[in-house]
């Protein structure tokens, strides 16, 4: 399906508009930043090297460098008290949060009380270690929760100003399951406004910053989770993903993020919820600093539905069929893939072929070029009963006063809007950009065809390697000039395939590299096995501020 003249014109026009918005932003960002809340980081010490001066200080306590599984093991064996673990993580958050603005509301006092209860339970000795591991696999382990999820007693705004008084009175199902497994939430983390942009910034909590370079974005919408994990302020995080909102922050912050097969982990208890075709696109999943924590966290989050996966099957990577694409084929709407990302992918291919003796086959799937259009049509589709689902502008109002994006843009230019520029721009664009019914039908058909092509390629023993994003973590505001780069992750939400984003070390400038590892439906065990392998071969998460 070739791009029409109108689509080519639209691509050029949107790029021009993006540049105009960036220029406009440069003129008013100073006033906007003064109006927006959020902590101002202290200046770095003059004696620090330039690269380290832009990163958070590296963690120094041993407990901050252990996986969740290892922390739970040491707590169960009483080699360390749960109180000590929680205190150590609280101190780390207090050290890095003024710099990265990840945790927007903490529950430190409650977390310490729960840690005392864990130590009391262990001192009473009612269960042996094996029984404790069975009942509470993450006993005493600190976790963080995306603010879009309900966590009892904490805000649930998704960065929307007119929800700032909303306090959760219940826990989302996945939050409840983590608590039942013994995990202790430390607080909720920042996200983009209404979880629909890939820079985590809003008018309630301000902007989050990358622990590897404070001048760079953390991704979105689960950006607070990503940067807190990358900064060693948490070991397990809870995120959600409708177009890459787990995988982009995991990529930009050098950690692991898993988008499961749809329908496995419940999406209930988050705002905004999904309706119509978006129910199929939205996935809740784990974000972890260590690959070994992905599988047990996924088991906990999935609950009984985990039986639909094959997590108990042993994976022999030598028998897996590997495929890769270096880019999407040349879409006009997205940036070219960065050379260092391509080099990192080639190193993965070379490693797999040399160490596992497999052939990693290059494939050219032409329909990947239309990822953005296919995803957009799915997002705007009607519900199963043919009712139109709420658009983004409706959500901005959140059942309150109507929001007029053009009017909000005028207010924003003088620092008076309660919405972020990306949210306003999205509200305007959804009214201007609308495919015809004929084009919708063609794109939906193309999406089904692409899904069938990839499912048939991967079957139950295939892995597909694909860039996590075309560029490394951009500077703040830069996504406004490259608004559609999320297409590299969004297409897999449409295809319904499990994907794990895996870190691959740092670039020459000290920014995280990574790759998406994709499998066929319900074959999450394959992507998780590859994640563990790549961590062993390429080092996984790298402490920020150490290079």
Foldseek 3Di string as FASTA:
>chain_A
DDDDPVRVVVLVVLLVVLVVVLVLCVVCVVVQVVQFDAADADQFDPPDDPQLRQFAAFDDDPLLVDALQVVQLCCLVVVDQLLVSLVSLVVLCVRCCSLFVWFQDWDSVVLNVLSVVLRVVSVVPPDHSVVLCVFAVRASAEEEEALQFADAQAANQQQFVVRRVHHHNDGWLLVVLNVRNRYGYTGHTFAPRQFPAFAGAHRHHGGGAANSGRQFGLTHGSSSRLRCQLQSSHFKYKDKDLLQRFLSNCQQSQWKGKFAQQPQFDPPRGPPDDFALSSLRMGIAMIGQALVVRVVSSCSRRDPSLVLFDQVDDDDLLQFAAEEEEDQQDASQFDAADPVLSVLVVVVQVCCCVPSVHHYHYDHDNLSSCLLVLLVLSRQADHPVRHGDDDLQNVSCVPHDGDDLVVLVVCVSVNRHNTDPVSSVRVVVVVVDDDDPVVSVVSPVSLVVSLVVQCVVQPQRYKYKYFSFRDHGGGPSCCSSNVRRSSRRNSCSSSSWMKMWWWQAADPSRTIHIIIITHHHSNNSVRSVVNNVNCVVRVGRDGHSPD
